[in-house]
Amino acid sequence: MKKILLSALILICGITLKAQTVNDVPLQDIDVEYVQIVGTSKLLSTKLTIEIDFGQRTKFFSSGKETIVKDTEGKAVDFNSMIDALNFMSKNGYDFVSAYTITLGNQNVYHYLLKNKKKPAADN
């Protein structure tokens, strides 16, 4: 019985530890120095839609789905706030640099610039 429980626990941990992706690229494998996370409110919800811009190509008429963080099943990851997204990105190897907010209509759009912890600063 203990072996079954241990096996189940290992399986569950393995599933939950798989990488989240943006544009089908695992967050840990994004090979850039900086990324920007953009948060917008979801309609009739307290949660935010978080998009990540790391300079990836997107289609001209895209709906923005290429820039949304997805889980292992391809579903969008929900974030409760920008701090929730910032903590998530910190766990995935990024440090906060700066932030600003733009108001469009009656909706705030939050922009956070993050630096990849693994990438050293470029020499000038």
PDB file of N, CA and C in Angstrom:
ATOM      1  N   MET A   1       0.830  -1.200   0.000  1.00  0.00           N
ATOM      2  CA  MET A   1       0.000   0.000   0.000  1.00  0.00           C
ATOM      3  C   MET A   1       0.869   1.257   0.000  1.00  0.00           C
ATOM      4  N   LYS A   2       1.956   1.240   0.799  1.00  0.00           N
ATOM      5  CA  LYS A   2       2.843   2.403   0.849  1.00  0.00           C
ATOM      6  C   LYS A   2       3.493   2.642  -0.503  1.00  0.00           C
ATOM      7  N   LYS A   3       3.847   1.558  -1.208  1.00  0.00           N
ATOM      8  CA  LYS A   3       4.484   1.690  -2.519  1.00  0.00           C
ATOM      9  C   LYS A   3       3.527   2.329  -3.521  1.00  0.00           C
ATOM     10  N   ILE A   4       2.251   1.969  -3.425  1.00  0.00           N
ATOM     11  CA  ILE A   4       1.255   2.547  -4.326  1.00  0.00           C
ATOM     12  C   ILE A   4       1.095   4.038  -4.054  1.00  0.00           C
ATOM     13  N   LEU A   5       1.016   4.415  -2.778  1.00  0.00           N
ATOM     14  CA  LEU A   5       0.887   5.831  -2.425  1.00  0.00           C
ATOM     15  C   LEU A   5       2.124   6.617  -2.852  1.00  0.00           C
ATOM     16  N   LEU A   6       3.306   6.039  -2.632  1.00  0.00           N
ATOM     17  CA  LEU A   6       4.536   6.712  -3.023  1.00  0.00           C
ATOM     18  C   LEU A   6       4.598   6.880  -4.538  1.00  0.00           C
ATOM     19  N   SER A   7       4.215   5.845  -5.273  1.00  0.00           N
ATOM     20  CA  SER A   7       4.205   5.922  -6.739  1.00  0.00           C
ATOM     21  C   SER A   7       3.228   6.981  -7.221  1.00  0.00           C
ATOM     22  N   ALA A   8       2.062   7.036  -6.611  1.00  0.00           N
ATOM     23  CA  ALA A   8       1.060   8.031  -6.987  1.00  0.00           C
ATOM     24  C   ALA A   8       1.576   9.445  -6.700  1.00  0.00           C
ATOM     25  N   LEU A   9       2.230   9.629  -5.563  1.00  0.00           N
ATOM     26  CA  LEU A   9       2.772  10.935  -5.197  1.00  0.00           C
ATOM     27  C   LEU A   9       3.851  11.361  -6.194  1.00  0.00           C
ATOM     28  N   ILE A  10       4.737  10.451  -6.568  1.00  0.00           N
ATOM     29  CA  ILE A  10       5.788  10.769  -7.535  1.00  0.00           C
ATOM     30  C   ILE A  10       5.179  11.128  -8.883  1.00  0.00           C
ATOM     31  N   LEU A  11       4.169  10.397  -9.298  1.00  0.00           N
ATOM     32  CA  LEU A  11       3.499  10.671 -10.571  1.00  0.00           C
ATOM     33  C   LEU A  11       2.852  12.053 -10.561  1.00  0.00           C
ATOM     34  N   ILE A  12       2.165  12.385  -9.483  1.00  0.00           N
ATOM     35  CA  ILE A  12       1.509  13.692  -9.373  1.00  0.00           C
ATOM     36  C   ILE A  12       2.540  14.806  -9.384  1.00  0.00           C
ATOM     37  N   CYS A  13       3.641  14.638  -8.643  1.00  0.00           N
ATOM     38  CA  CYS A  13       4.696  15.661  -8.626  1.00  0.00           C
ATOM     39  C   CYS A  13       5.310  15.815 -10.004  1.00  0.00           C
ATOM     40  N   GLY A  14       5.518  14.726 -10.694  1.00  0.00           N
ATOM     41  CA  GLY A  14       6.086  14.780 -12.034  1.00  0.00           C
ATOM     42  C   GLY A  14       5.196  15.522 -12.994  1.00  0.00           C
ATOM     43  N   ILE A  15       3.901  15.330 -12.875  1.00  0.00           N
ATOM     44  CA  ILE A  15       2.952  16.016 -13.750  1.00  0.00           C
ATOM     45  C   ILE A  15       2.922  17.506 -13.451  1.00  0.00           C
ATOM     46  N   THR A  16       2.916  17.883 -12.175  1.00  0.00           N
ATOM     47  CA  THR A  16       2.805  19.294 -11.818  1.00  0.00           C
ATOM     48  C   THR A  16       4.097  20.059 -12.039  1.00  0.00           C
ATOM     49  N   LEU A  17       5.243  19.364 -12.124  1.00  0.00           N
ATOM     50  CA  LEU A  17       6.508  20.054 -12.292  1.00  0.00           C
ATOM     51  C   LEU A  17       6.903  20.240 -13.755  1.00  0.00           C
ATOM     52  N   LYS A  18       6.107  19.750 -14.682  1.00  0.00           N
ATOM     53  CA  LYS A  18       6.419  19.949 -16.091  1.00  0.00           C
ATOM     54  C   LYS A  18       6.318  21.431 -16.422  1.00  0.00           C
ATOM     55  N   ALA A  19       7.084  21.851 -17.376  1.00  0.00           N
ATOM     56  CA  ALA A  19       7.231  23.268 -17.690  1.00  0.00           C
ATOM     57  C   ALA A  19       5.975  23.864 -18.314  1.00  0.00           C
ATOM     58  N   GLN A  20       5.680  25.086 -17.892  1.00  0.00           N
ATOM     59  CA  GLN A  20       4.672  25.879 -18.565  1.00  0.00           C
ATOM     60  C   GLN A  20       5.335  26.469 -19.801  1.00  0.00           C
ATOM     61  N   THR A  21       4.534  26.796 -20.793  1.00  0.00           N
ATOM     62  CA  THR A  21       5.101  27.270 -22.050  1.00  0.00           C
ATOM     63  C   THR A  21       4.487  28.589 -22.494  1.00  0.00           C
ATOM     64  N   VAL A  22       5.209  29.274 -23.349  1.00  0.00           N
ATOM     65  CA  VAL A  22       4.736  30.446 -24.073  1.00  0.00           C
ATOM     66  C   VAL A  22       5.150  30.226 -25.513  1.00  0.00           C
ATOM     67  N   ASN A  23       4.192  30.250 -26.418  1.00  0.00           N
ATOM     68  CA  ASN A  23       4.463  30.009 -27.832  1.00  0.00           C
ATOM     69  C   ASN A  23       5.153  28.650 -28.007  1.00  0.00           C
ATOM     70  N   ASP A  24       4.711  27.667 -27.221  1.00  0.00           N
ATOM     71  CA  ASP A  24       5.241  26.304 -27.206  1.00  0.00           C
ATOM     72  C   ASP A  24       6.699  26.215 -26.772  1.00  0.00           C
ATOM     73  N   VAL A  25       7.245  27.246 -26.133  1.00  0.00           N
ATOM     74  CA  VAL A  25       8.606  27.227 -25.605  1.00  0.00           C
ATOM     75  C   VAL A  25       8.515  27.189 -24.078  1.00  0.00           C
ATOM     76  N   PRO A  26       9.136  26.178 -23.415  1.00  0.00           N
ATOM     77  CA  PRO A  26       9.130  26.161 -21.949  1.00  0.00           C
ATOM     78  C   PRO A  26       9.771  27.438 -21.397  1.00  0.00           C
ATOM     79  N   LEU A  27       9.193  27.989 -20.327  1.00  0.00           N
ATOM     80  CA  LEU A  27       9.691  29.246 -19.758  1.00  0.00           C
ATOM     81  C   LEU A  27      11.182  29.184 -19.445  1.00  0.00           C
ATOM     82  N   GLN A  28      11.650  28.048 -18.905  1.00  0.00           N
ATOM     83  CA  GLN A  28      13.059  27.931 -18.548  1.00  0.00           C
ATOM     84  C   GLN A  28      13.965  27.905 -19.777  1.00  0.00           C
ATOM     85  N   ASP A  29      13.431  27.610 -20.961  1.00  0.00           N
ATOM     86  CA  ASP A  29      14.236  27.507 -22.176  1.00  0.00           C
ATOM     87  C   ASP A  29      14.221  28.770 -23.024  1.00  0.00           C
ATOM     88  N   ILE A  30      13.527  29.809 -22.573  1.00  0.00           N
ATOM     89  CA  ILE A  30      13.509  31.062 -23.320  1.00  0.00           C
ATOM     90  C   ILE A  30      14.890  31.689 -23.195  1.00  0.00           C
ATOM     91  N   ASP A  31      15.593  31.807 -24.303  1.00  0.00           N
ATOM     92  CA  ASP A  31      16.987  32.219 -24.305  1.00  0.00           C
ATOM     93  C   ASP A  31      17.130  33.703 -24.631  1.00  0.00           C
ATOM     94  N   VAL A  32      16.609  34.542 -23.745  1.00  0.00           N
ATOM     95  CA  VAL A  32      16.711  35.989 -23.902  1.00  0.00           C
ATOM     96  C   VAL A  32      17.089  36.611 -22.571  1.00  0.00           C
ATOM     97  N   GLU A  33      17.586  37.836 -22.618  1.00  0.00           N
ATOM     98  CA  GLU A  33      17.982  38.522 -21.388  1.00  0.00           C
ATOM     99  C   GLU A  33      16.780  39.138 -20.672  1.00  0.00           C
ATOM    100  N   TYR A  34      15.814  39.676 -21.440  1.00  0.00           N
ATOM    101  CA  TYR A  34      14.661  40.352 -20.852  1.00  0.00           C
ATOM    102  C   TYR A  34      13.355  39.805 -21.406  1.00  0.00           C
ATOM    103  N   VAL A  35      12.321  39.838 -20.569  1.00  0.00           N
ATOM    104  CA  VAL A  35      10.958  39.546 -21.006  1.00  0.00           C
ATOM    105  C   VAL A  35      10.044  40.601 -20.396  1.00  0.00           C
ATOM    106  N   GLN A  36       8.893  40.775 -21.000  1.00  0.00           N
ATOM    107  CA  GLN A  36       7.886  41.689 -20.461  1.00  0.00           C
ATOM    108  C   GLN A  36       6.616  40.899 -20.229  1.00  0.00           C
ATOM    109  N   ILE A  37       6.044  41.038 -19.026  1.00  0.00           N
ATOM    110  CA  ILE A  37       4.740  40.425 -18.798  1.00  0.00           C
ATOM    111  C   ILE A  37       3.697  41.541 -18.818  1.00  0.00           C
ATOM    112  N   VAL A  38       2.613  41.263 -19.522  1.00  0.00           N
ATOM    113  CA  VAL A  38       1.531  42.237 -19.678  1.00  0.00           C
ATOM    114  C   VAL A  38       0.275  41.614 -19.098  1.00  0.00           C
ATOM    115  N   GLY A  39      -0.329  42.288 -18.138  1.00  0.00           N
ATOM    116  CA  GLY A  39      -1.538  41.789 -17.502  1.00  0.00           C
ATOM    117  C   GLY A  39      -2.740  42.642 -17.825  1.00  0.00           C
ATOM    118  N   THR A  40      -3.822  41.976 -18.228  1.00  0.00           N
ATOM    119  CA  THR A  40      -5.091  42.663 -18.476  1.00  0.00           C
ATOM    120  C   THR A  40      -6.191  41.931 -17.732  1.00  0.00           C
ATOM    121  N   SER A  41      -7.179  42.667 -17.290  1.00  0.00           N
ATOM    122  CA  SER A  41      -8.297  42.070 -16.555  1.00  0.00           C
ATOM    123  C   SER A  41      -9.128  41.188 -17.464  1.00  0.00           C
ATOM    124  N   LYS A  42      -9.600  40.078 -16.900  1.00  0.00           N
ATOM    125  CA  LYS A  42     -10.529  39.225 -17.643  1.00  0.00           C
ATOM    126  C   LYS A  42     -11.933  39.778 -17.470  1.00  0.00           C
ATOM    127  N   LEU A  43     -12.745  39.626 -18.476  1.00  0.00           N
ATOM    128  CA  LEU A  43     -14.121  40.099 -18.426  1.00  0.00           C
ATOM    129  C   LEU A  43     -14.891  39.338 -17.348  1.00  0.00           C
ATOM    130  N   LEU A  44     -15.573  40.056 -16.475  1.00  0.00           N
ATOM    131  CA  LEU A  44     -16.396  39.488 -15.403  1.00  0.00           C
ATOM    132  C   LEU A  44     -15.621  38.541 -14.496  1.00  0.00           C
ATOM    133  N   SER A  45     -14.359  38.891 -14.193  1.00  0.00           N
ATOM    134  CA  SER A  45     -13.519  38.060 -13.342  1.00  0.00           C
ATOM    135  C   SER A  45     -12.549  38.939 -12.561  1.00  0.00           C
ATOM    136  N   THR A  46     -12.066  38.416 -11.446  1.00  0.00           N
ATOM    137  CA  THR A  46     -11.051  39.132 -10.680  1.00  0.00           C
ATOM    138  C   THR A  46      -9.652  38.705 -11.107  1.00  0.00           C
ATOM    139  N   LYS A  47      -9.553  37.722 -11.974  1.00  0.00           N
ATOM    140  CA  LYS A  47      -8.257  37.210 -12.433  1.00  0.00           C
ATOM    141  C   LYS A  47      -7.749  38.011 -13.627  1.00  0.00           C
ATOM    142  N   LEU A  48      -6.467  37.815 -13.934  1.00  0.00           N
ATOM    143  CA  LEU A  48      -5.835  38.516 -15.037  1.00  0.00           C
ATOM    144  C   LEU A  48      -5.406  37.548 -16.130  1.00  0.00           C
ATOM    145  N   THR A  49      -5.395  38.038 -17.345  1.00  0.00           N
ATOM    146  CA  THR A  49      -4.759  37.316 -18.440  1.00  0.00           C
ATOM    147  C   THR A  49      -3.348  37.862 -18.531  1.00  0.00           C
ATOM    148  N   ILE A  50      -2.367  36.973 -18.456  1.00  0.00           N
ATOM    149  CA  ILE A  50      -0.967  37.368 -18.509  1.00  0.00           C
ATOM    150  C   ILE A  50      -0.387  36.924 -19.844  1.00  0.00           C
ATOM    151  N   GLU A  51       0.212  37.867 -20.536  1.00  0.00           N
ATOM    152  CA  GLU A  51       0.909  37.566 -21.781  1.00  0.00           C
ATOM    153  C   GLU A  51       2.389  37.849 -21.560  1.00  0.00           C
ATOM    154  N   ILE A  52       3.239  37.058 -22.194  1.00  0.00           N
ATOM    155  CA  ILE A  52       4.676  37.224 -22.047  1.00  0.00           C
ATOM    156  C   ILE A  52       5.289  37.518 -23.409  1.00  0.00           C
ATOM    157  N   ASP A  53       5.989  38.636 -23.468  1.00  0.00           N
ATOM    158  CA  ASP A  53       6.668  39.039 -24.692  1.00  0.00           C
ATOM    159  C   ASP A  53       8.160  38.850 -24.474  1.00  0.00           C
ATOM    160  N   PHE A  54       8.753  37.940 -25.239  1.00  0.00           N
ATOM    161  CA  PHE A  54      10.209  37.771 -25.180  1.00  0.00           C
ATOM    162  C   PHE A  54      10.827  38.019 -26.548  1.00  0.00           C
ATOM    163  N   GLY A  55      10.090  38.717 -27.407  1.00  0.00           N
ATOM    164  CA  GLY A  55      10.565  39.041 -28.738  1.00  0.00           C
ATOM    165  C   GLY A  55      10.238  37.971 -29.755  1.00  0.00           C
ATOM    166  N   GLN A  56       9.342  37.058 -29.384  1.00  0.00           N
ATOM    167  CA  GLN A  56       8.979  35.969 -30.294  1.00  0.00           C
ATOM    168  C   GLN A  56       8.155  36.493 -31.451  1.00  0.00           C
ATOM    169  N   ARG A  57       8.207  35.760 -32.544  1.00  0.00           N
ATOM    170  CA  ARG A  57       7.374  36.104 -33.694  1.00  0.00           C
ATOM    171  C   ARG A  57       5.930  35.746 -33.381  1.00  0.00           C
ATOM    172  N   THR A  58       5.041  36.620 -33.766  1.00  0.00           N
ATOM    173  CA  THR A  58       3.612  36.334 -33.659  1.00  0.00           C
ATOM    174  C   THR A  58       2.984  36.622 -35.011  1.00  0.00           C
ATOM    175  N   LYS A  59       1.884  35.996 -35.259  1.00  0.00           N
ATOM    176  CA  LYS A  59       1.194  36.207 -36.527  1.00  0.00           C
ATOM    177  C   LYS A  59       0.529  37.575 -36.525  1.00  0.00           C
ATOM    178  N   PHE A  60       0.466  38.193 -37.699  1.00  0.00           N
ATOM    179  CA  PHE A  60      -0.082  39.546 -37.819  1.00  0.00           C
ATOM    180  C   PHE A  60      -1.517  39.618 -37.314  1.00  0.00           C
ATOM    181  N   PHE A  61      -2.338  38.648 -37.657  1.00  0.00           N
ATOM    182  CA  PHE A  61      -3.741  38.660 -37.252  1.00  0.00           C
ATOM    183  C   PHE A  61      -3.978  37.732 -36.068  1.00  0.00           C
ATOM    184  N   SER A  62      -2.982  37.561 -35.212  1.00  0.00           N
ATOM    185  CA  SER A  62      -3.112  36.625 -34.096  1.00  0.00           C
ATOM    186  C   SER A  62      -4.033  37.202 -33.022  1.00  0.00           C
ATOM    187  N   SER A  63      -4.562  36.302 -32.224  1.00  0.00           N
ATOM    188  CA  SER A  63      -5.442  36.706 -31.125  1.00  0.00           C
ATOM    189  C   SER A  63      -4.666  36.899 -29.831  1.00  0.00           C
ATOM    190  N   GLY A  64      -3.347  36.749 -29.873  1.00  0.00           N
ATOM    191  CA  GLY A  64      -2.541  36.887 -28.671  1.00  0.00           C
ATOM    192  C   GLY A  64      -2.331  35.568 -27.946  1.00  0.00           C
ATOM    193  N   LYS A  65      -2.894  34.485 -28.467  1.00  0.00           N
ATOM    194  CA  LYS A  65      -2.778  33.194 -27.793  1.00  0.00           C
ATOM    195  C   LYS A  65      -1.351  32.675 -27.764  1.00  0.00           C
ATOM    196  N   GLU A  66      -0.487  33.145 -28.682  1.00  0.00           N
ATOM    197  CA  GLU A  66       0.899  32.690 -28.688  1.00  0.00           C
ATOM    198  C   GLU A  66       1.676  33.217 -27.495  1.00  0.00           C
ATOM    199  N   THR A  67       1.209  34.298 -26.894  1.00  0.00           N
ATOM    200  CA  THR A  67       1.957  34.934 -25.811  1.00  0.00           C
ATOM    201  C   THR A  67       1.407  34.619 -24.427  1.00  0.00           C
ATOM    202  N   ILE A  68       0.360  33.817 -24.346  1.00  0.00           N
ATOM    203  CA  ILE A  68      -0.242  33.466 -23.061  1.00  0.00           C
ATOM    204  C   ILE A  68       0.472  32.258 -22.471  1.00  0.00           C
ATOM    205  N   VAL A  69       0.701  32.286 -21.160  1.00  0.00           N
ATOM    206  CA  VAL A  69       1.334  31.163 -20.466  1.00  0.00           C
ATOM    207  C   VAL A  69       0.352  30.003 -20.448  1.00  0.00           C
ATOM    208  N   LYS A  70       0.830  28.831 -20.892  1.00  0.00           N
ATOM    209  CA  LYS A  70      -0.020  27.643 -20.932  1.00  0.00           C
ATOM    210  C   LYS A  70       0.568  26.550 -20.052  1.00  0.00           C
ATOM    211  N   ASP A  71      -0.327  25.728 -19.496  1.00  0.00           N
ATOM    212  CA  ASP A  71       0.131  24.599 -18.688  1.00  0.00           C
ATOM    213  C   ASP A  71       0.471  23.416 -19.595  1.00  0.00           C
ATOM    214  N   THR A  72       0.768  22.280 -18.980  1.00  0.00           N
ATOM    215  CA  THR A  72       1.182  21.099 -19.744  1.00  0.00           C
ATOM    216  C   THR A  72       0.081  20.569 -20.653  1.00  0.00           C
ATOM    217  N   GLU A  73      -1.166  20.938 -20.384  1.00  0.00           N
ATOM    218  CA  GLU A  73      -2.287  20.489 -21.206  1.00  0.00           C
ATOM    219  C   GLU A  73      -2.660  21.509 -22.284  1.00  0.00           C
ATOM    220  N   GLY A  74      -1.907  22.603 -22.366  1.00  0.00           N
ATOM    221  CA  GLY A  74      -2.179  23.619 -23.365  1.00  0.00           C
ATOM    222  C   GLY A  74      -3.244  24.619 -22.958  1.00  0.00           C
ATOM    223  N   LYS A  75      -3.674  24.595 -21.701  1.00  0.00           N
ATOM    224  CA  LYS A  75      -4.685  25.541 -21.218  1.00  0.00           C
ATOM    225  C   LYS A  75      -3.996  26.766 -20.622  1.00  0.00           C
ATOM    226  N   ALA A  76      -4.622  27.931 -20.759  1.00  0.00           N
ATOM    227  CA  ALA A  76      -4.077  29.168 -20.214  1.00  0.00           C
ATOM    228  C   ALA A  76      -3.987  29.077 -18.693  1.00  0.00           C
ATOM    229  N   VAL A  77      -2.871  29.546 -18.155  1.00  0.00           N
ATOM    230  CA  VAL A  77      -2.670  29.579 -16.708  1.00  0.00           C
ATOM    231  C   VAL A  77      -3.346  30.833 -16.171  1.00  0.00           C
ATOM    232  N   ASP A  78      -4.171  30.698 -15.130  1.00  0.00           N
ATOM    233  CA  ASP A  78      -4.842  31.847 -14.515  1.00  0.00           C
ATOM    234  C   ASP A  78      -3.969  32.426 -13.408  1.00  0.00           C
ATOM    235  N   PHE A  79      -3.909  33.748 -13.337  1.00  0.00           N
ATOM    236  CA  PHE A  79      -3.184  34.441 -12.285  1.00  0.00           C
ATOM    237  C   PHE A  79      -4.157  35.336 -11.542  1.00  0.00           C
ATOM    238  N   ASN A  80      -4.028  35.390 -10.215  1.00  0.00           N
ATOM    239  CA  ASN A  80      -4.921  36.198  -9.386  1.00  0.00           C
ATOM    240  C   ASN A  80      -4.573  37.680  -9.433  1.00  0.00           C
ATOM    241  N   SER A  81      -3.300  37.985  -9.656  1.00  0.00           N
ATOM    242  CA  SER A  81      -2.847  39.373  -9.671  1.00  0.00           C
ATOM    243  C   SER A  81      -1.506  39.443 -10.381  1.00  0.00           C
ATOM    244  N   MET A  82      -1.005  40.646 -10.576  1.00  0.00           N
ATOM    245  CA  MET A  82       0.319  40.795 -11.174  1.00  0.00           C
ATOM    246  C   MET A  82       1.389  40.260 -10.231  1.00  0.00           C
ATOM    247  N   ILE A  83       1.176  40.383  -8.943  1.00  0.00           N
ATOM    248  CA  ILE A  83       2.147  39.836  -7.989  1.00  0.00           C
ATOM    249  C   ILE A  83       2.165  38.322  -8.076  1.00  0.00           C
ATOM    250  N   ASP A  84       1.019  37.704  -8.285  1.00  0.00           N
ATOM    251  CA  ASP A  84       0.958  36.260  -8.498  1.00  0.00           C
ATOM    252  C   ASP A  84       1.794  35.889  -9.724  1.00  0.00           C
ATOM    253  N   ALA A  85       1.642  36.634 -10.810  1.00  0.00           N
ATOM    254  CA  ALA A  85       2.415  36.386 -12.031  1.00  0.00           C
ATOM    255  C   ALA A  85       3.901  36.655 -11.794  1.00  0.00           C
ATOM    256  N   LEU A  86       4.210  37.703 -11.043  1.00  0.00           N
ATOM    257  CA  LEU A  86       5.607  38.035 -10.752  1.00  0.00           C
ATOM    258  C   LEU A  86       6.262  36.937  -9.920  1.00  0.00           C
ATOM    259  N   ASN A  87       5.558  36.425  -8.924  1.00  0.00           N
ATOM    260  CA  ASN A  87       6.092  35.315  -8.119  1.00  0.00           C
ATOM    261  C   ASN A  87       6.288  34.069  -8.981  1.00  0.00           C
ATOM    262  N   PHE A  88       5.347  33.807  -9.863  1.00  0.00           N
ATOM    263  CA  PHE A  88       5.448  32.678 -10.788  1.00  0.00           C
ATOM    264  C   PHE A  88       6.694  32.817 -11.661  1.00  0.00           C
ATOM    265  N   MET A  89       6.912  33.997 -12.219  1.00  0.00           N
ATOM    266  CA  MET A  89       8.066  34.218 -13.076  1.00  0.00           C
ATOM    267  C   MET A  89       9.367  34.154 -12.282  1.00  0.00           C
ATOM    268  N   SER A  90       9.358  34.609 -11.043  1.00  0.00           N
ATOM    269  CA  SER A  90      10.546  34.514 -10.194  1.00  0.00           C
ATOM    270  C   SER A  90      10.930  33.052  -9.969  1.00  0.00           C
ATOM    271  N   LYS A  91       9.938  32.211  -9.742  1.00  0.00           N
ATOM    272  CA  LYS A  91      10.197  30.777  -9.573  1.00  0.00           C
ATOM    273  C   LYS A  91      10.734  30.150 -10.855  1.00  0.00           C
ATOM    274  N   ASN A  92      10.458  30.778 -11.996  1.00  0.00           N
ATOM    275  CA  ASN A  92      10.908  30.265 -13.288  1.00  0.00           C
ATOM    276  C   ASN A  92      12.156  30.964 -13.804  1.00  0.00           C
ATOM    277  N   GLY A  93      12.873  31.669 -12.914  1.00  0.00           N
ATOM    278  CA  GLY A  93      14.184  32.198 -13.267  1.00  0.00           C
ATOM    279  C   GLY A  93      14.269  33.642 -13.694  1.00  0.00           C
ATOM    280  N   TYR A  94      13.316  34.493 -13.286  1.00  0.00           N
ATOM    281  CA  TYR A  94      13.331  35.893 -13.707  1.00  0.00           C
ATOM    282  C   TYR A  94      13.289  36.838 -12.512  1.00  0.00           C
ATOM    283  N   ASP A  95      13.996  37.978 -12.629  1.00  0.00           N
ATOM    284  CA  ASP A  95      14.020  39.031 -11.613  1.00  0.00           C
ATOM    285  C   ASP A  95      13.263  40.255 -12.122  1.00  0.00           C
ATOM    286  N   PHE A  96      12.561  40.916 -11.218  1.00  0.00           N
ATOM    287  CA  PHE A  96      11.824  42.143 -11.534  1.00  0.00           C
ATOM    288  C   PHE A  96      12.807  43.276 -11.826  1.00  0.00           C
ATOM    289  N   VAL A  97      12.494  44.094 -12.857  1.00  0.00           N
ATOM    290  CA  VAL A  97      13.313  45.256 -13.199  1.00  0.00           C
ATOM    291  C   VAL A  97      12.504  46.537 -13.009  1.00  0.00           C
ATOM    292  N   SER A  98      11.357  46.647 -13.677  1.00  0.00           N
ATOM    293  CA  SER A  98      10.533  47.851 -13.567  1.00  0.00           C
ATOM    294  C   SER A  98       9.098  47.544 -13.974  1.00  0.00           C
ATOM    295  N   ALA A  99       8.205  48.511 -13.678  1.00  0.00           N
ATOM    296  CA  ALA A  99       6.790  48.323 -14.003  1.00  0.00           C
ATOM    297  C   ALA A  99       6.154  49.668 -14.340  1.00  0.00           C
ATOM    298  N   TYR A 100       5.114  49.607 -15.167  1.00  0.00           N
ATOM    299  CA  TYR A 100       4.289  50.773 -15.443  1.00  0.00           C
ATOM    300  C   TYR A 100       2.900  50.293 -15.847  1.00  0.00           C
ATOM    301  N   THR A 101       1.923  51.179 -15.729  1.00  0.00           N
ATOM    302  CA  THR A 101       0.539  50.859 -16.045  1.00  0.00           C
ATOM    303  C   THR A 101       0.005  51.864 -17.057  1.00  0.00           C
ATOM    304  N   ILE A 102      -0.757  51.362 -18.000  1.00  0.00           N
ATOM    305  CA  ILE A 102      -1.440  52.206 -18.985  1.00  0.00           C
ATOM    306  C   ILE A 102      -2.931  51.950 -18.835  1.00  0.00           C
ATOM    307  N   THR A 103      -3.730  53.001 -18.865  1.00  0.00           N
ATOM    308  CA  THR A 103      -5.179  52.847 -18.810  1.00  0.00           C
ATOM    309  C   THR A 103      -5.748  53.054 -20.205  1.00  0.00           C
ATOM    310  N   LEU A 104      -6.443  52.031 -20.688  1.00  0.00           N
ATOM    311  CA  LEU A 104      -7.107  52.082 -21.988  1.00  0.00           C
ATOM    312  C   LEU A 104      -8.604  51.967 -21.746  1.00  0.00           C
ATOM    313  N   GLY A 105      -9.331  53.029 -22.044  1.00  0.00           N
ATOM    314  CA  GLY A 105     -10.754  53.040 -21.708  1.00  0.00           C
ATOM    315  C   GLY A 105     -10.878  53.022 -20.195  1.00  0.00           C
ATOM    316  N   ASN A 106     -11.559  52.040 -19.664  1.00  0.00           N
ATOM    317  CA  ASN A 106     -11.679  51.876 -18.219  1.00  0.00           C
ATOM    318  C   ASN A 106     -10.868  50.699 -17.713  1.00  0.00           C
ATOM    319  N   GLN A 107      -9.934  50.204 -18.518  1.00  0.00           N
ATOM    320  CA  GLN A 107      -9.175  49.011 -18.158  1.00  0.00           C
ATOM    321  C   GLN A 107      -7.693  49.339 -17.999  1.00  0.00           C
ATOM    322  N   ASN A 108      -7.112  48.889 -16.880  1.00  0.00           N
ATOM    323  CA  ASN A 108      -5.680  49.046 -16.666  1.00  0.00           C
ATOM    324  C   ASN A 108      -4.937  47.902 -17.344  1.00  0.00           C
ATOM    325  N   VAL A 109      -3.825  48.234 -17.988  1.00  0.00           N
ATOM    326  CA  VAL A 109      -2.945  47.242 -18.593  1.00  0.00           C
ATOM    327  C   VAL A 109      -1.593  47.395 -17.910  1.00  0.00           C
ATOM    328  N   TYR A 110      -1.168  46.333 -17.228  1.00  0.00           N
ATOM    329  CA  TYR A 110       0.044  46.350 -16.423  1.00  0.00           C
ATOM    330  C   TYR A 110       1.206  45.769 -17.221  1.00  0.00           C
ATOM    331  N   HIS A 111       2.350  46.464 -17.185  1.00  0.00           N
ATOM    332  CA  HIS A 111       3.549  46.023 -17.891  1.00  0.00           C
ATOM    333  C   HIS A 111       4.674  45.867 -16.875  1.00  0.00           C
ATOM    334  N   TYR A 112       5.262  44.669 -16.786  1.00  0.00           N
ATOM    335  CA  TYR A 112       6.389  44.418 -15.897  1.00  0.00           C
ATOM    336  C   TYR A 112       7.560  43.931 -16.743  1.00  0.00           C
ATOM    337  N   LEU A 113       8.699  44.565 -16.591  1.00  0.00           N
ATOM    338  CA  LEU A 113       9.915  44.146 -17.270  1.00  0.00           C
ATOM    339  C   LEU A 113      10.707  43.254 -16.321  1.00  0.00           C
ATOM    340  N   LEU A 114      11.140  42.097 -16.822  1.00  0.00           N
ATOM    341  CA  LEU A 114      11.874  41.129 -16.011  1.00  0.00           C
ATOM    342  C   LEU A 114      13.177  40.765 -16.702  1.00  0.00           C
ATOM    343  N   LYS A 115      14.181  40.406 -15.887  1.00  0.00           N
ATOM    344  CA  LYS A 115      15.480  39.987 -16.403  1.00  0.00           C
ATOM    345  C   LYS A 115      15.688  38.516 -16.093  1.00  0.00           C
ATOM    346  N   ASN A 116      16.210  37.797 -17.067  1.00  0.00           N
ATOM    347  CA  ASN A 116      16.512  36.382 -16.903  1.00  0.00           C
ATOM    348  C   ASN A 116      17.704  36.249 -15.953  1.00  0.00           C
ATOM    349  N   LYS A 117      17.550  35.497 -14.862  1.00  0.00           N
ATOM    350  CA  LYS A 117      18.623  35.325 -13.870  1.00  0.00           C
ATOM    351  C   LYS A 117      19.828  34.599 -14.458  1.00  0.00           C
ATOM    352  N   LYS A 118      19.593  33.778 -15.473  1.00  0.00           N
ATOM    353  CA  LYS A 118      20.668  32.966 -16.053  1.00  0.00           C
ATOM    354  C   LYS A 118      21.523  33.740 -17.058  1.00  0.00           C
ATOM    355  N   LYS A 119      21.008  34.861 -17.555  1.00  0.00           N
ATOM    356  CA  LYS A 119      21.725  35.599 -18.589  1.00  0.00           C
ATOM    357  C   LYS A 119      22.523  36.735 -17.944  1.00  0.00           C
ATOM    358  N   PRO A 120      23.845  36.730 -18.109  1.00  0.00           N
ATOM    359  CA  PRO A 120      24.631  37.849 -17.576  1.00  0.00           C
ATOM    360  C   PRO A 120      24.375  39.109 -18.393  1.00  0.00           C
ATOM    361  N   ALA A 121      24.578  40.242 -17.778  1.00  0.00           N
ATOM    362  CA  ALA A 121      24.385  41.518 -18.484  1.00  0.00           C
ATOM    363  C   ALA A 121      25.360  41.602 -19.648  1.00  0.00           C
ATOM    364  N   ALA A 122      24.888  42.129 -20.759  1.00  0.00           N
ATOM    365  CA  ALA A 122      25.726  42.267 -21.948  1.00  0.00           C
ATOM    366  C   ALA A 122      26.781  43.333 -21.708  1.00  0.00           C
ATOM    367  N   ASP A 123      28.002  43.055 -22.150  1.00  0.00           N
ATOM    368  CA  ASP A 123      29.082  44.037 -22.030  1.00  0.00           C
ATOM    369  C   ASP A 123      28.925  45.113 -23.100  1.00  0.00           C
ATOM    370  N   ASN A 124      29.124  46.372 -22.710  1.00  0.00           N
ATOM    371  CA  ASN A 124      28.999  47.467 -23.666  1.00  0.00           C
ATOM    372  C   ASN A 124      30.367  47.934 -24.083  1.00  0.00           C
TER     373      ASN A 124
END
